[in-house]
Amino acid sequence: MKPNMGNTDRIIRVLLAIVFAGLYFTGTVAGTWGTVLVVLGGIFLATSVISFCPLYTLVGVNTCKK
């Protein structure tokens, strides 16, 4: 897997994951929507750690500077 995510993209995803986790664990968002946010936050965190987004490959986006 060749990296296709730049630093700005990665930072935004990590921040969103933190916000989603905060909303869930403080009880602001609960139920199905809370679960969806936690899963989405986990995906954001995982893709930012490995610097690769499979959806970017499908649509031909590359935010990684060469």
C-alpha atoms as a PDB file:
ATOM      1  CA  MET A   1       0.000   0.000   0.000  1.00  0.00           C
ATOM      2  CA  LYS A   2       1.444   3.277  -1.119  1.00  0.00           C
ATOM      3  CA  PRO A   3       0.631   6.240   1.169  1.00  0.00           C
ATOM      4  CA  ASN A   4      -2.038   8.531  -0.295  1.00  0.00           C
ATOM      5  CA  MET A   5      -2.759  10.833   2.661  1.00  0.00           C
ATOM      6  CA  GLY A   6      -0.930  14.050   3.495  1.00  0.00           C
ATOM      7  CA  ASN A   7      -0.170  15.348   6.979  1.00  0.00           C
ATOM      8  CA  THR A   8      -3.041  17.850   7.013  1.00  0.00           C
ATOM      9  CA  ASP A   9      -5.514  15.137   6.062  1.00  0.00           C
ATOM     10  CA  ARG A  10      -4.148  12.850   8.759  1.00  0.00           C
ATOM     11  CA  ILE A  11      -4.329  15.536  11.462  1.00  0.00           C
ATOM     12  CA  ILE A  12      -7.933  16.382  10.564  1.00  0.00           C
ATOM     13  CA  ARG A  13      -8.907  12.712  10.774  1.00  0.00           C
ATOM     14  CA  VAL A  14      -7.265  12.263  14.180  1.00  0.00           C
ATOM     15  CA  LEU A  15      -9.001  15.390  15.506  1.00  0.00           C
ATOM     16  CA  LEU A  16     -12.361  14.161  14.214  1.00  0.00           C
ATOM     17  CA  ALA A  17     -11.781  10.774  15.842  1.00  0.00           C
ATOM     18  CA  ILE A  18     -11.080  12.513  19.165  1.00  0.00           C
ATOM     19  CA  VAL A  19     -14.224  14.649  18.833  1.00  0.00           C
ATOM     20  CA  PHE A  20     -16.364  11.622  17.954  1.00  0.00           C
ATOM     21  CA  ALA A  21     -14.993   9.662  20.923  1.00  0.00           C
ATOM     22  CA  GLY A  22     -15.606  12.629  23.209  1.00  0.00           C
ATOM     23  CA  LEU A  23     -19.194  12.976  22.045  1.00  0.00           C
ATOM     24  CA  TYR A  24     -19.822   9.295  22.620  1.00  0.00           C
ATOM     25  CA  PHE A  25     -18.106   8.869  25.985  1.00  0.00           C
ATOM     26  CA  THR A  26     -19.643  12.009  27.487  1.00  0.00           C
ATOM     27  CA  GLY A  27     -23.094  10.746  26.526  1.00  0.00           C
ATOM     28  CA  THR A  28     -23.842  13.620  24.168  1.00  0.00           C
ATOM     29  CA  VAL A  29     -24.518  11.187  21.337  1.00  0.00           C
ATOM     30  CA  ALA A  30     -25.841   7.775  22.266  1.00  0.00           C
ATOM     31  CA  GLY A  31     -27.531   4.773  20.729  1.00  0.00           C
ATOM     32  CA  THR A  32     -27.083   3.923  17.091  1.00  0.00           C
ATOM     33  CA  TRP A  33     -25.661   7.316  16.159  1.00  0.00           C
ATOM     34  CA  GLY A  34     -23.100   7.044  18.940  1.00  0.00           C
ATOM     35  CA  THR A  35     -21.995   3.635  17.734  1.00  0.00           C
ATOM     36  CA  VAL A  36     -21.737   4.904  14.169  1.00  0.00           C
ATOM     37  CA  LEU A  37     -19.554   7.822  15.320  1.00  0.00           C
ATOM     38  CA  VAL A  38     -17.252   5.552  17.325  1.00  0.00           C
ATOM     39  CA  VAL A  39     -16.807   3.163  14.388  1.00  0.00           C
ATOM     40  CA  LEU A  40     -16.212   6.058  11.989  1.00  0.00           C
ATOM     41  CA  GLY A  41     -13.707   7.565  14.415  1.00  0.00           C
ATOM     42  CA  GLY A  42     -11.891   4.237  14.609  1.00  0.00           C
ATOM     43  CA  ILE A  43     -11.702   4.058  10.835  1.00  0.00           C
ATOM     44  CA  PHE A  44     -10.420   7.647  10.673  1.00  0.00           C
ATOM     45  CA  LEU A  45      -7.777   6.862  13.288  1.00  0.00           C
ATOM     46  CA  ALA A  46      -6.658   3.650  11.578  1.00  0.00           C
ATOM     47  CA  THR A  47      -6.384   5.223   8.132  1.00  0.00           C
ATOM     48  CA  SER A  48      -4.429   8.173   9.489  1.00  0.00           C
ATOM     49  CA  VAL A  49      -1.975   5.887  11.304  1.00  0.00           C
ATOM     50  CA  ILE A  50      -1.220   3.902   8.142  1.00  0.00           C
ATOM     51  CA  SER A  51      -1.457   6.976   5.828  1.00  0.00           C
ATOM     52  CA  PHE A  52      -3.642   5.081   3.393  1.00  0.00           C
ATOM     53  CA  CYS A  53      -7.320   5.524   2.568  1.00  0.00           C
ATOM     54  CA  PRO A  54      -8.892   2.833   0.373  1.00  0.00           C
ATOM     55  CA  LEU A  55     -11.656   5.214  -0.762  1.00  0.00           C
ATOM     56  CA  TYR A  56      -9.048   7.653  -2.075  1.00  0.00           C
ATOM     57  CA  THR A  57      -7.727   4.873  -4.304  1.00  0.00           C
ATOM     58  CA  LEU A  58     -11.188   4.229  -5.739  1.00  0.00           C
ATOM     59  CA  VAL A  59     -11.817   7.876  -6.639  1.00  0.00           C
ATOM     60  CA  GLY A  60      -8.217   8.707  -7.591  1.00  0.00           C
ATOM     61  CA  VAL A  61      -7.443  11.201  -4.825  1.00  0.00           C
ATOM     62  CA  ASN A  62      -3.933  11.630  -3.443  1.00  0.00           C
ATOM     63  CA  THR A  63      -3.251  14.288  -0.791  1.00  0.00           C
ATOM     64  CA  CYS A  64       0.272  13.034  -0.086  1.00  0.00           C
ATOM     65  CA  LYS A  65       3.021  15.355  -1.285  1.00  0.00           C
ATOM     66  CA  LYS A  66       5.717  13.659  -3.285  1.00  0.00           C
END
